[in-house]
PDB file of N, CA and C in Angstrom:
ATOM      1  N   MET A   1     127.285  35.485 133.304  1.00  0.00           N
ATOM      2  CA  MET A   1     128.668  35.775 133.272  1.00  0.00           C
ATOM      3  C   MET A   1     129.190  36.172 134.690  1.00  0.00           C
ATOM      4  N   LYS A   2     130.283  35.586 135.060  1.00  0.00           N
ATOM      5  CA  LYS A   2     130.884  35.881 136.375  1.00  0.00           C
ATOM      6  C   LYS A   2     132.360  36.158 136.179  1.00  0.00           C
ATOM      7  N   ILE A   3     132.829  37.188 136.899  1.00  0.00           N
ATOM      8  CA  ILE A   3     134.304  37.504 136.842  1.00  0.00           C
ATOM      9  C   ILE A   3     134.811  37.373 138.313  1.00  0.00           C
ATOM     10  N   TYR A   4     135.797  36.564 138.468  1.00  0.00           N
ATOM     11  CA  TYR A   4     136.456  36.348 139.772  1.00  0.00           C
ATOM     12  C   TYR A   4     137.672  37.316 139.800  1.00  0.00           C
ATOM     13  N   CYS A   5     137.810  38.128 140.861  1.00  0.00           N
ATOM     14  CA  CYS A   5     138.851  39.098 140.891  1.00  0.00           C
ATOM     15  C   CYS A   5     139.444  39.242 142.286  1.00  0.00           C
ATOM     16  N   CYS A   6     140.712  39.738 142.296  1.00  0.00           N
ATOM     17  CA  CYS A   6     141.375  40.057 143.577  1.00  0.00           C
ATOM     18  C   CYS A   6     140.996  41.494 143.940  1.00  0.00           C
ATOM     19  N   LEU A   7     141.411  41.906 145.126  1.00  0.00           N
ATOM     20  CA  LEU A   7     141.094  43.258 145.565  1.00  0.00           C
ATOM     21  C   LEU A   7     141.617  44.314 144.595  1.00  0.00           C
ATOM     22  N   GLU A   8     142.784  44.108 144.064  1.00  0.00           N
ATOM     23  CA  GLU A   8     143.440  45.064 143.202  1.00  0.00           C
ATOM     24  C   GLU A   8     142.631  45.303 141.872  1.00  0.00           C
ATOM     25  N   HIS A   9     141.974  44.264 141.392  1.00  0.00           N
ATOM     26  CA  HIS A   9     141.294  44.377 140.102  1.00  0.00           C
ATOM     27  C   HIS A   9     139.798  44.464 140.195  1.00  0.00           C
ATOM     28  N   THR A  10     139.281  44.792 141.390  1.00  0.00           N
ATOM     29  CA  THR A  10     137.849  44.954 141.588  1.00  0.00           C
ATOM     30  C   THR A  10     137.258  46.037 140.656  1.00  0.00           C
ATOM     31  N   ASP A  11     137.893  47.186 140.581  1.00  0.00           N
ATOM     32  CA  ASP A  11     137.383  48.240 139.734  1.00  0.00           C
ATOM     33  C   ASP A  11     137.291  47.841 138.269  1.00  0.00           C
ATOM     34  N   LEU A  12     138.311  47.095 137.805  1.00  0.00           N
ATOM     35  CA  LEU A  12     138.302  46.673 136.409  1.00  0.00           C
ATOM     36  C   LEU A  12     137.170  45.690 136.152  1.00  0.00           C
ATOM     37  N   ALA A  13     136.985  44.758 137.068  1.00  0.00           N
ATOM     38  CA  ALA A  13     135.884  43.812 136.900  1.00  0.00           C
ATOM     39  C   ALA A  13     134.528  44.458 136.908  1.00  0.00           C
ATOM     40  N   LEU A  14     134.316  45.415 137.775  1.00  0.00           N
ATOM     41  CA  LEU A  14     133.081  46.157 137.824  1.00  0.00           C
ATOM     42  C   LEU A  14     132.826  46.903 136.529  1.00  0.00           C
ATOM     43  N   ASP A  15     133.879  47.546 135.999  1.00  0.00           N
ATOM     44  CA  ASP A  15     133.759  48.308 134.741  1.00  0.00           C
ATOM     45  C   ASP A  15     133.396  47.417 133.555  1.00  0.00           C
ATOM     46  N   VAL A  16     134.052  46.239 133.475  1.00  0.00           N
ATOM     47  CA  VAL A  16     133.787  45.271 132.419  1.00  0.00           C
ATOM     48  C   VAL A  16     132.332  44.805 132.503  1.00  0.00           C
ATOM     49  N   MET A  17     131.861  44.463 133.704  1.00  0.00           N
ATOM     50  CA  MET A  17     130.499  43.968 133.797  1.00  0.00           C
ATOM     51  C   MET A  17     129.469  45.089 133.434  1.00  0.00           C
ATOM     52  N   VAL A  18     129.692  46.342 133.879  1.00  0.00           N
ATOM     53  CA  VAL A  18     128.782  47.411 133.515  1.00  0.00           C
ATOM     54  C   VAL A  18     128.726  47.599 132.022  1.00  0.00           C
ATOM     55  N   ASP A  19     129.907  47.522 131.363  1.00  0.00           N
ATOM     56  CA  ASP A  19     129.940  47.632 129.884  1.00  0.00           C
ATOM     57  C   ASP A  19     129.244  46.522 129.216  1.00  0.00           C
ATOM     58  N   GLU A  20     129.359  45.303 129.755  1.00  0.00           N
ATOM     59  CA  GLU A  20     128.750  44.120 129.174  1.00  0.00           C
ATOM     60  C   GLU A  20     127.183  44.084 129.320  1.00  0.00           C
ATOM     61  N   ILE A  21     126.710  44.304 130.519  1.00  0.00           N
ATOM     62  CA  ILE A  21     125.293  44.139 130.816  1.00  0.00           C
ATOM     63  C   ILE A  21     124.519  45.439 130.905  1.00  0.00           C
ATOM     64  N   GLU A  22     125.241  46.537 130.977  1.00  0.00           N
ATOM     65  CA  GLU A  22     124.657  47.878 131.031  1.00  0.00           C
ATOM     66  C   GLU A  22     123.709  48.022 132.245  1.00  0.00           C
ATOM     67  N   LEU A  23     123.965  47.336 133.295  1.00  0.00           N
ATOM     68  CA  LEU A  23     123.237  47.433 134.580  1.00  0.00           C
ATOM     69  C   LEU A  23     124.203  47.297 135.717  1.00  0.00           C
ATOM     70  N   ALA A  24     123.802  47.613 136.900  1.00  0.00           N
ATOM     71  CA  ALA A  24     124.691  47.414 138.049  1.00  0.00           C
ATOM     72  C   ALA A  24     124.856  45.939 138.308  1.00  0.00           C
ATOM     73  N   PRO A  25     126.089  45.454 138.348  1.00  0.00           N
ATOM     74  CA  PRO A  25     126.302  44.020 138.588  1.00  0.00           C
ATOM     75  C   PRO A  25     126.158  43.615 140.021  1.00  0.00           C
ATOM     76  N   VAL A  26     126.021  42.304 140.216  1.00  0.00           N
ATOM     77  CA  VAL A  26     126.023  41.748 141.576  1.00  0.00           C
ATOM     78  C   VAL A  26     127.491  41.609 142.004  1.00  0.00           C
ATOM     79  N   PHE A  27     127.781  42.088 143.216  1.00  0.00           N
ATOM     80  CA  PHE A  27     129.153  42.138 143.692  1.00  0.00           C
ATOM     81  C   PHE A  27     129.183  41.460 145.034  1.00  0.00           C
ATOM     82  N   GLU A  28     129.868  40.301 145.121  1.00  0.00           N
ATOM     83  CA  GLU A  28     129.840  39.470 146.339  1.00  0.00           C
ATOM     84  C   GLU A  28     131.244  39.103 146.817  1.00  0.00           C
ATOM     85  N   LYS A  29     131.497  39.154 148.065  1.00  0.00           N
ATOM     86  CA  LYS A  29     132.773  38.711 148.609  1.00  0.00           C
ATOM     87  C   LYS A  29     132.702  37.138 148.687  1.00  0.00           C
ATOM     88  N   ILE A  30     133.775  36.492 148.316  1.00  0.00           N
ATOM     89  CA  ILE A  30     133.865  35.058 148.330  1.00  0.00           C
ATOM     90  C   ILE A  30     134.139  34.618 149.748  1.00  0.00           C
ATOM     91  N   GLU A  31     133.174  33.934 150.382  1.00  0.00           N
ATOM     92  CA  GLU A  31     133.320  33.510 151.759  1.00  0.00           C
ATOM     93  C   GLU A  31     133.650  32.019 151.874  1.00  0.00           C
ATOM     94  N   ASN A  32     133.110  31.220 151.025  1.00  0.00           N
ATOM     95  CA  ASN A  32     133.242  29.779 151.071  1.00  0.00           C
ATOM     96  C   ASN A  32     134.582  29.353 150.411  1.00  0.00           C
ATOM     97  N   SER A  33     135.340  28.591 151.124  1.00  0.00           N
ATOM     98  CA  SER A  33     136.663  28.196 150.541  1.00  0.00           C
ATOM     99  C   SER A  33     136.542  27.267 149.372  1.00  0.00           C
ATOM    100  N   THR A  34     135.347  26.628 149.101  1.00  0.00           N
ATOM    101  CA  THR A  34     135.200  25.769 147.963  1.00  0.00           C
ATOM    102  C   THR A  34     135.019  26.679 146.667  1.00  0.00           C
ATOM    103  N   ASP A  35     134.633  27.948 146.866  1.00  0.00           N
ATOM    104  CA  ASP A  35     134.410  28.812 145.734  1.00  0.00           C
ATOM    105  C   ASP A  35     135.708  29.556 145.379  1.00  0.00           C
ATOM    106  N   LYS A  36     136.815  29.350 146.041  1.00  0.00           N
ATOM    107  CA  LYS A  36     138.008  30.102 145.796  1.00  0.00           C
ATOM    108  C   LYS A  36     138.565  29.786 144.416  1.00  0.00           C
ATOM    109  N   LYS A  37     138.853  30.798 143.677  1.00  0.00           N
ATOM    110  CA  LYS A  37     139.424  30.657 142.350  1.00  0.00           C
ATOM    111  C   LYS A  37     140.455  31.749 142.187  1.00  0.00           C
ATOM    112  N   GLY A  38     141.160  31.755 141.118  1.00  0.00           N
ATOM    113  CA  GLY A  38     142.177  32.750 140.882  1.00  0.00           C
ATOM    114  C   GLY A  38     141.562  33.968 140.191  1.00  0.00           C
ATOM    115  N   CYS A  39     142.234  35.113 140.345  1.00  0.00           N
ATOM    116  CA  CYS A  39     141.784  36.339 139.711  1.00  0.00           C
ATOM    117  C   CYS A  39     141.933  36.166 138.238  1.00  0.00           C
ATOM    118  N   GLU A  40     140.986  36.682 137.442  1.00  0.00           N
ATOM    119  CA  GLU A  40     140.997  36.590 135.999  1.00  0.00           C
ATOM    120  C   GLU A  40     142.002  37.546 135.373  1.00  0.00           C
ATOM    121  N   TYR A  41     142.531  38.469 136.158  1.00  0.00           N
ATOM    122  CA  TYR A  41     143.450  39.485 135.589  1.00  0.00           C
ATOM    123  C   TYR A  41     144.940  39.318 136.025  1.00  0.00           C
ATOM    124  N   CYS A  42     145.149  38.444 137.075  1.00  0.00           N
ATOM    125  CA  CYS A  42     146.531  38.245 137.567  1.00  0.00           C
ATOM    126  C   CYS A  42     146.552  36.889 138.206  1.00  0.00           C
ATOM    127  N   ASP A  43     147.648  36.534 138.903  1.00  0.00           N
ATOM    128  CA  ASP A  43     147.829  35.267 139.554  1.00  0.00           C
ATOM    129  C   ASP A  43     147.422  35.249 141.011  1.00  0.00           C
ATOM    130  N   ASN A  44     146.849  36.319 141.525  1.00  0.00           N
ATOM    131  CA  ASN A  44     146.393  36.318 142.924  1.00  0.00           C
ATOM    132  C   ASN A  44     145.076  35.593 143.108  1.00  0.00           C
ATOM    133  N   GLU A  45     144.805  35.215 144.346  1.00  0.00           N
ATOM    134  CA  GLU A  45     143.573  34.534 144.685  1.00  0.00           C
ATOM    135  C   GLU A  45     142.423  35.533 144.583  1.00  0.00           C
ATOM    136  N   ALA A  46     141.289  35.084 144.042  1.00  0.00           N
ATOM    137  CA  ALA A  46     140.089  35.898 143.925  1.00  0.00           C
ATOM    138  C   ALA A  46     139.503  36.165 145.280  1.00  0.00           C
ATOM    139  N   VAL A  47     139.048  37.359 145.516  1.00  0.00           N
ATOM    140  CA  VAL A  47     138.466  37.754 146.784  1.00  0.00           C
ATOM    141  C   VAL A  47     136.926  38.059 146.533  1.00  0.00           C
ATOM    142  N   TYR A  48     136.607  38.563 145.331  1.00  0.00           N
ATOM    143  CA  TYR A  48     135.286  38.905 144.959  1.00  0.00           C
ATOM    144  C   TYR A  48     134.861  38.226 143.689  1.00  0.00           C
ATOM    145  N   VAL A  49     133.516  38.046 143.534  1.00  0.00           N
ATOM    146  CA  VAL A  49     132.946  37.584 142.307  1.00  0.00           C
ATOM    147  C   VAL A  49     131.971  38.681 141.874  1.00  0.00           C
ATOM    148  N   VAL A  50     132.082  39.067 140.588  1.00  0.00           N
ATOM    149  CA  VAL A  50     131.215  40.062 140.011  1.00  0.00           C
ATOM    150  C   VAL A  50     130.385  39.414 138.911  1.00  0.00           C
ATOM    151  N   GLY A  51     129.072  39.527 139.000  1.00  0.00           N
ATOM    152  CA  GLY A  51     128.232  38.821 138.010  1.00  0.00           C
ATOM    153  C   GLY A  51     126.968  39.567 137.691  1.00  0.00           C
ATOM    154  N   ASP A  52     126.224  38.937 136.797  1.00  0.00           N
ATOM    155  CA  ASP A  52     124.933  39.577 136.413  1.00  0.00           C
ATOM    156  C   ASP A  52     123.782  38.878 137.060  1.00  0.00           C
TER     157      ASP A  52
END
């Protein structure tokens, strides 16, 4: 499971992942322009990906 999020929704994405997997999630800044996606919580561009 991966959640793409903007800077504003980073806390929400981390909370959701901790609730889902009950472990500390992997938290990475999106560097590669081919990985750019939209935030899953708003219309902004995703800056981070949170995953398991």
